């Protein structure tokens, strides 16, 4: 079996790659490192920004995407701390043309799953949030009630005896909670984890042990990323902070709604009505971006060597995923004449 095709510096291979796909997925972090100086490559209707790729309807003017252009970029992110509107503002500030509808985050994916798949009936339709404002914004966009999250009442340090007893007997828990949604929480503490655990045990349900077990909250996660790349380093991600703690406490794994979960792929496909065979996943992380594209049976995957994983990672015998293509930096897709 041949390895990934290296595109950097190969004009013919780059043109073949660009002609092969109509839709490109990419993590927003890659695009947000972009230069603010765009340039165009008219043959393929591709508008590039020095470390980023934006397939666009018009390479001269920043007009919205049009189906007739034949190309589209979808920004797919596992970062649950920001909403689609916040990412839209950030991308736009970098001069990257996009619309809110072009952005699909793990918080939005979770909100869609809760409102359109779970379809919890009132009053047991409330969500306990272990995460930041991005999750709250997307739940609000779907009309989903929630508690926890950024509420200062849940950011207290320490526990008193009344806190323990109230969670144990359910008197301090909300009986209307039907879901615990965990994501990256920069203010995670024992108090929040204890409440989430209480809901996952069914402590808030009145009745015997069988009724409590049957009524325990559904365990969902925005993503399971072990690390968060920031400032040319890595920090604890959602999967290694709050989520792993809850999994260890309950002995259960949550349903994850971010990459590489195919629940997210199905949601993206349903929204954009894309042809998977004409869609390519672009990313810098093998166990999220590239695995997402492979397990989703997309037409291709492109690894970019400016992020989490390097070439030697997929050359290992036990590599989690192997891309179909790779480049040194995303701007290499401009072709050697433009660099």
Protein backbone atom coordinates (compact mmCIF):
# COMPACT_ATOMS: atom_id res chain seq x y z
CA UNK A 1 0.00 0.00 0.00
CA UNK A 2 1.44 3.36 -1.01
CA UNK A 3 1.81 6.13 1.54
CA UNK A 4 0.29 9.63 1.53
CA UNK A 5 1.00 11.77 -1.53
CA UNK A 6 3.22 14.78 -0.80
CA UNK A 7 1.81 17.86 -2.57
CA UNK A 8 4.18 20.67 -1.57
CA UNK A 9 6.11 21.93 -4.60
CA UNK A 10 4.28 19.70 -7.09
CA UNK A 11 2.06 21.91 -9.28
CA UNK A 12 0.56 19.02 -11.22
CA UNK A 13 -0.38 17.12 -8.05
CA UNK A 14 -1.80 20.27 -6.46
CA UNK A 15 -4.02 20.99 -9.47
CA UNK A 16 -5.21 17.38 -9.51
CA UNK A 17 -6.00 17.61 -5.80
CA UNK A 18 -7.95 20.86 -6.14
CA UNK A 19 -9.93 19.56 -9.11
CA UNK A 20 -10.89 16.42 -7.23
CA UNK A 21 -12.92 18.03 -4.45
CA UNK A 22 -15.81 20.47 -4.14
CA UNK A 23 -16.07 20.75 -0.35
CA UNK A 24 -13.23 21.19 2.13
CA UNK A 25 -13.49 20.68 5.88
CA UNK A 26 -10.91 22.31 8.09
CA UNK A 27 -10.35 23.14 11.77
CA UNK A 28 -10.72 26.82 12.53
CA UNK A 29 -7.39 27.01 14.37
CA UNK A 30 -5.58 26.43 11.11
CA UNK A 31 -7.44 29.24 9.40
CA UNK A 32 -7.01 31.65 12.29
CA UNK A 33 -3.24 31.61 11.83
CA UNK A 34 -3.80 33.16 8.42
CA UNK A 35 -2.16 36.21 6.98
CA UNK A 36 -4.54 39.06 6.34
CA UNK A 37 -3.24 39.48 2.79
CA UNK A 38 -5.25 37.38 0.35
CA UNK A 39 -4.22 36.43 -3.13
CA UNK A 40 -6.05 34.50 -5.79
CA UNK A 41 -5.57 31.50 -8.02
CA UNK A 42 -8.19 32.02 -10.69
CA UNK A 43 -8.11 28.63 -12.39
CA UNK A 44 -9.63 26.84 -9.42
CA UNK A 45 -11.59 29.74 -7.92
CA UNK A 46 -9.53 29.39 -4.78
CA UNK A 47 -8.83 32.32 -2.51
CA UNK A 48 -5.80 31.71 -0.31
CA UNK A 49 -4.60 33.43 2.81
CA UNK A 50 -0.94 32.59 3.67
CA UNK A 51 -1.50 29.60 6.08
CA UNK A 52 -5.10 29.06 5.10
CA UNK A 53 -7.28 27.88 2.29
CA UNK A 54 -10.67 29.31 1.51
CA UNK A 55 -12.58 27.90 -1.46
CA UNK A 56 -14.68 30.80 -2.60
CA UNK A 57 -17.20 31.83 -5.22
CA UNK A 58 -15.15 34.72 -6.51
CA UNK A 59 -11.40 35.18 -6.23
CA UNK A 60 -11.57 38.92 -6.78
CA UNK A 61 -14.40 40.11 -4.58
CA UNK A 62 -15.37 38.71 -1.21
CA UNK A 63 -18.90 37.68 -2.15
CA UNK A 64 -20.74 34.90 -0.30
CA UNK A 65 -20.42 31.26 -1.33
CA UNK A 66 -22.51 30.33 -4.35
CA UNK A 67 -23.25 26.73 -5.38
CA UNK A 68 -22.39 27.61 -8.98
CA UNK A 69 -18.81 28.24 -7.95
CA UNK A 70 -18.41 24.52 -7.34
CA UNK A 71 -16.29 24.91 -4.22
CA UNK A 72 -17.06 25.38 -0.56
CA UNK A 73 -15.19 25.46 2.74
CA UNK A 74 -16.77 24.25 5.97
CA UNK A 75 -14.98 25.20 9.19
CA UNK A 76 -15.32 22.22 11.55
CA UNK A 77 -14.05 22.77 15.08
CA UNK A 78 -13.95 20.75 18.28
CA UNK A 79 -13.41 23.84 20.41
CA UNK A 80 -16.62 24.16 22.39
CA UNK A 81 -15.69 27.35 24.25
CA UNK A 82 -16.77 29.67 21.42
CA UNK A 83 -20.01 29.87 19.47
CA UNK A 84 -20.34 29.95 15.69
CA UNK A 85 -21.01 33.68 15.83
CA UNK A 86 -17.80 34.26 17.77
CA UNK A 87 -15.79 32.24 15.27
CA UNK A 88 -17.42 34.08 12.41
CA UNK A 89 -16.34 37.39 13.91
CA UNK A 90 -12.81 36.11 14.44
CA UNK A 91 -12.46 34.67 10.94
CA UNK A 92 -13.91 37.83 9.41
CA UNK A 93 -11.46 39.97 11.37
CA UNK A 94 -8.66 38.00 9.70
CA UNK A 95 -10.07 38.84 6.29
CA UNK A 96 -11.32 35.30 5.74
CA UNK A 97 -14.67 35.39 3.91
CA UNK A 98 -17.25 33.13 5.51
CA UNK A 99 -20.72 33.08 6.97
CA UNK A 100 -22.01 31.74 10.28
CA UNK A 101 -23.60 28.88 8.35
CA UNK A 102 -20.14 27.82 7.11
CA UNK A 103 -19.04 27.06 10.68
CA UNK A 104 -19.88 23.79 12.42
CA UNK A 105 -18.62 23.47 15.99
CA UNK A 106 -18.89 20.68 18.53
CA UNK A 107 -21.16 22.83 20.73
CA UNK A 108 -23.55 23.36 17.82
CA UNK A 109 -23.36 19.67 16.94
CA UNK A 110 -24.32 18.77 20.52
CA UNK A 111 -27.19 21.26 20.54
CA UNK A 112 -28.52 19.85 17.27
CA UNK A 113 -28.31 16.31 18.65
CA UNK A 114 -30.17 17.23 21.83
CA UNK A 115 -32.94 19.18 20.11
CA UNK A 116 -33.45 17.12 16.95
CA UNK A 117 -32.35 13.60 17.87
CA UNK A 118 -32.96 13.17 21.60
CA UNK A 119 -36.04 15.41 21.51
CA UNK A 120 -36.42 15.34 25.29
CA UNK A 121 -39.88 16.24 26.50
CA UNK A 122 -40.53 18.94 29.10
CA UNK A 123 -40.04 19.13 31.94
CA UNK A 124 -37.10 16.64 31.78
CA UNK A 125 -35.43 18.55 28.92
CA UNK A 126 -32.94 20.70 30.80
CA UNK A 127 -29.17 20.39 30.27
CA UNK A 128 -26.52 20.60 32.98
CA UNK A 129 -23.51 22.23 31.31
CA UNK A 130 -19.93 21.53 32.25
CA UNK A 131 -18.28 24.04 29.94
CA UNK A 132 -18.01 27.61 28.74
CA UNK A 133 -20.21 30.24 27.06
CA UNK A 134 -19.88 28.70 23.59
CA UNK A 135 -21.99 25.74 24.68
CA UNK A 136 -24.58 28.00 26.27
CA UNK A 137 -24.92 30.13 23.12
CA UNK A 138 -25.56 27.12 20.90
CA UNK A 139 -28.07 25.61 23.34
CA UNK A 140 -29.89 28.94 23.34
CA UNK A 141 -29.92 28.94 19.52
CA UNK A 142 -31.89 25.68 19.67
CA UNK A 143 -34.16 26.83 22.50
CA UNK A 144 -32.74 24.33 24.99
CA UNK A 145 -32.92 25.25 28.71
CA UNK A 146 -29.75 24.72 30.74
CA UNK A 147 -28.10 25.27 34.10
CA UNK A 148 -24.48 25.21 35.25
CA UNK A 149 -21.95 26.46 32.73
CA UNK A 150 -20.77 30.00 33.41
CA UNK A 151 -23.23 30.60 36.26
CA UNK A 152 -21.09 32.07 39.10
CA UNK A 153 -23.01 29.93 41.59
CA UNK A 154 -21.25 26.87 40.18
CA UNK A 155 -17.79 28.39 40.29
CA UNK A 156 -17.47 28.24 44.07
CA UNK A 157 -14.38 26.70 45.56
CA UNK A 158 -14.73 23.87 48.01
CA UNK A 159 -17.68 21.93 49.40
CA UNK A 160 -19.49 22.17 52.72
CA UNK A 161 -21.43 19.29 54.36
CA UNK A 162 -24.73 20.70 53.10
CA UNK A 163 -23.45 20.49 49.51
CA UNK A 164 -22.66 16.79 49.87
CA UNK A 165 -25.98 15.95 51.52
CA UNK A 166 -28.00 18.01 49.03
CA UNK A 167 -26.44 16.22 46.06
CA UNK A 168 -26.74 12.81 47.71
CA UNK A 169 -30.47 13.10 48.45
CA UNK A 170 -31.21 15.20 45.35
CA UNK A 171 -32.60 18.16 47.28
CA UNK A 172 -30.06 20.56 45.74
CA UNK A 173 -30.37 19.10 42.24
CA UNK A 174 -32.78 20.22 39.52
CA UNK A 175 -35.34 17.46 38.81
CA UNK A 176 -35.77 18.70 35.23
CA UNK A 177 -32.22 17.86 34.09
CA UNK A 178 -32.19 15.18 31.41
CA UNK A 179 -28.70 15.65 29.95
CA UNK A 180 -25.21 16.32 31.25
CA UNK A 181 -23.21 17.98 28.46
CA UNK A 182 -19.48 18.17 29.14
CA UNK A 183 -16.94 20.17 27.18
CA UNK A 184 -13.81 22.15 27.84
CA UNK A 185 -14.34 24.05 31.09
CA UNK A 186 -11.67 26.52 32.20
CA UNK A 187 -13.35 26.76 35.60
CA UNK A 188 -13.91 23.10 36.35
CA UNK A 189 -14.05 22.35 40.07
CA UNK A 190 -15.17 19.70 42.53
CA UNK A 191 -18.53 21.39 43.02
CA UNK A 192 -19.42 21.20 39.31
CA UNK A 193 -18.16 17.63 38.97
CA UNK A 194 -20.15 16.54 42.02
CA UNK A 195 -23.35 18.01 40.56
CA UNK A 196 -22.75 16.42 37.15
CA UNK A 197 -22.06 13.08 38.82
CA UNK A 198 -25.27 13.38 40.84
CA UNK A 199 -27.32 13.85 37.66
CA UNK A 200 -25.58 10.94 35.94
CA UNK A 201 -26.40 8.73 38.95
CA UNK A 202 -30.04 9.81 38.93
CA UNK A 203 -29.89 11.36 42.40
CA UNK A 204 -32.31 14.05 41.23
CA UNK A 205 -35.01 11.49 40.42
CA UNK A 206 -37.60 10.73 43.10
CA UNK A 207 -38.22 7.04 43.70
CA UNK A 208 -36.41 3.77 44.33
CA UNK A 209 -33.05 2.70 42.90
CA UNK A 210 -34.63 1.31 39.73
CA UNK A 211 -36.43 4.59 39.05
CA UNK A 212 -33.26 6.55 39.71
CA UNK A 213 -31.28 4.32 37.34
CA UNK A 214 -33.90 4.65 34.62
CA UNK A 215 -34.12 8.41 35.12
CA UNK A 216 -30.44 9.25 35.20
CA UNK A 217 -29.26 11.97 32.83
CA UNK A 218 -27.87 11.20 29.37
CA UNK A 219 -24.09 11.68 29.24
CA UNK A 220 -22.91 13.72 26.23
CA UNK A 221 -19.58 15.35 25.39
CA UNK A 222 -18.79 18.05 22.87
CA UNK A 223 -15.45 16.35 22.13
CA UNK A 224 -12.84 14.05 23.66
CA UNK A 225 -9.68 15.94 22.67
CA UNK A 226 -6.89 15.12 25.10
CA UNK A 227 -5.05 18.38 24.50
CA UNK A 228 -5.75 21.97 23.47
CA UNK A 229 -3.10 23.50 21.16
CA UNK A 230 -2.45 27.14 22.10
CA UNK A 231 0.48 29.54 21.96
CA UNK A 232 2.73 27.01 20.20
CA UNK A 233 2.21 24.56 23.06
CA UNK A 234 -0.47 22.18 24.31
CA UNK A 235 -2.73 22.34 27.35
CA UNK A 236 -5.30 19.95 28.88
CA UNK A 237 -8.27 19.40 26.58
CA UNK A 238 -11.87 18.50 27.36
CA UNK A 239 -11.13 14.79 27.19
CA UNK A 240 -8.38 14.90 29.80
CA UNK A 241 -10.02 17.32 32.22
CA UNK A 242 -13.71 17.18 33.15
CA UNK A 243 -14.82 14.34 30.87
CA UNK A 244 -12.28 11.74 31.98
CA UNK A 245 -13.15 12.48 35.61
CA UNK A 246 -16.86 11.86 35.01
CA UNK A 247 -16.13 8.72 33.00
CA UNK A 248 -14.02 7.32 35.81
CA UNK A 249 -16.72 8.13 38.36
CA UNK A 250 -19.59 6.59 36.42
CA UNK A 251 -17.78 3.85 34.52
CA UNK A 252 -19.49 5.15 31.37
CA UNK A 253 -18.21 6.83 28.23
CA UNK A 254 -20.21 9.78 26.88
CA UNK A 255 -21.50 10.03 23.35
CA UNK A 256 -19.12 12.55 21.79
CA UNK A 257 -20.50 14.99 19.23
CA UNK A 258 -17.19 16.37 17.89
CA UNK A 259 -14.51 14.98 15.57
CA UNK A 260 -13.95 12.09 14.94
CA UNK A 261 -17.51 11.16 15.97
CA UNK A 262 -19.59 10.14 12.98
CA UNK A 263 -22.61 11.68 14.69
CA UNK A 264 -20.98 15.00 13.82
CA UNK A 265 -20.24 13.85 10.26
CA UNK A 266 -23.88 12.85 9.76
CA UNK A 267 -25.01 16.22 11.11
CA UNK A 268 -22.67 18.12 8.78
CA UNK A 269 -23.73 16.05 5.79
CA UNK A 270 -27.39 16.59 6.62
CA UNK A 271 -26.93 20.33 6.86
CA UNK A 272 -24.82 20.89 3.75
CA UNK A 273 -26.13 18.03 1.56
CA UNK A 274 -22.60 17.31 0.42
CA UNK A 275 -21.24 14.49 -1.71
CA UNK A 276 -18.78 12.66 0.54
CA UNK A 277 -16.79 11.41 -2.44
CA UNK A 278 -16.14 15.04 -3.47
CA UNK A 279 -15.27 16.20 0.04
CA UNK A 280 -11.82 16.46 1.63
CA UNK A 281 -10.93 16.82 5.32
CA UNK A 282 -7.97 19.11 5.97
CA UNK A 283 -6.34 19.05 9.39
CA UNK A 284 -3.25 18.77 11.54
CA UNK A 285 -4.38 16.13 14.02
CA UNK A 286 -4.56 12.44 13.16
CA UNK A 287 -6.93 11.23 15.89
CA UNK A 288 -9.54 13.91 15.22
CA UNK A 289 -9.28 15.55 11.79
CA UNK A 290 -7.83 12.73 9.68
CA UNK A 291 -9.65 9.93 11.50
CA UNK A 292 -12.87 11.95 11.09
CA UNK A 293 -12.44 12.01 7.32
CA UNK A 294 -11.41 8.38 6.98
CA UNK A 295 -14.20 6.95 9.16
CA UNK A 296 -16.66 9.24 7.38
CA UNK A 297 -15.62 7.77 4.03
CA UNK A 298 -14.74 11.16 2.57
CA UNK A 299 -13.05 11.32 -0.80
CA UNK A 300 -9.76 12.43 0.73
CA UNK A 301 -7.83 13.65 3.75
CA UNK A 302 -5.02 16.21 3.79
CA UNK A 303 -2.60 16.48 6.71
CA UNK A 304 -0.81 19.77 7.33
CA UNK A 305 2.50 19.57 9.19
CA UNK A 306 2.15 22.82 11.12
CA UNK A 307 0.16 21.44 14.03
CA UNK A 308 -0.13 18.58 16.48
CA UNK A 309 1.09 15.62 14.40
CA UNK A 310 4.12 15.12 12.17
CA UNK A 311 5.00 12.72 9.36
CA UNK A 312 6.60 10.18 11.69
CA UNK A 313 3.32 9.84 13.58
CA UNK A 314 1.48 8.21 10.68
CA UNK A 315 4.55 6.19 9.67
CA UNK A 316 4.31 4.20 12.90
CA UNK A 317 2.90 0.68 12.65
CA UNK A 318 0.17 1.54 15.15
CA UNK A 319 -0.75 4.94 13.67
CA UNK A 320 -4.33 5.90 14.52
CA UNK A 321 -4.90 7.24 10.99
CA UNK A 322 -2.97 7.82 7.76
CA UNK A 323 -3.88 10.75 5.47
CA UNK A 324 -4.21 10.47 1.70
CA UNK A 325 -2.24 13.68 1.10
CA UNK A 326 0.02 16.00 3.07
CA UNK A 327 1.71 19.38 2.76
CA UNK A 328 4.31 21.22 4.82
CA UNK A 329 2.07 24.28 5.25
CA UNK A 330 -1.40 24.94 3.91
CA UNK A 331 -0.20 27.83 1.75
CA UNK A 332 1.77 25.27 -0.31
CA UNK A 333 -1.52 24.62 -2.12
CA UNK A 334 -0.92 27.90 -3.92
CA UNK A 335 1.74 26.11 -5.92
CA UNK A 336 5.52 26.66 -6.05
CA UNK A 337 5.24 29.71 -8.32
CA UNK A 338 3.29 31.61 -5.65
CA UNK A 339 5.59 30.90 -2.70
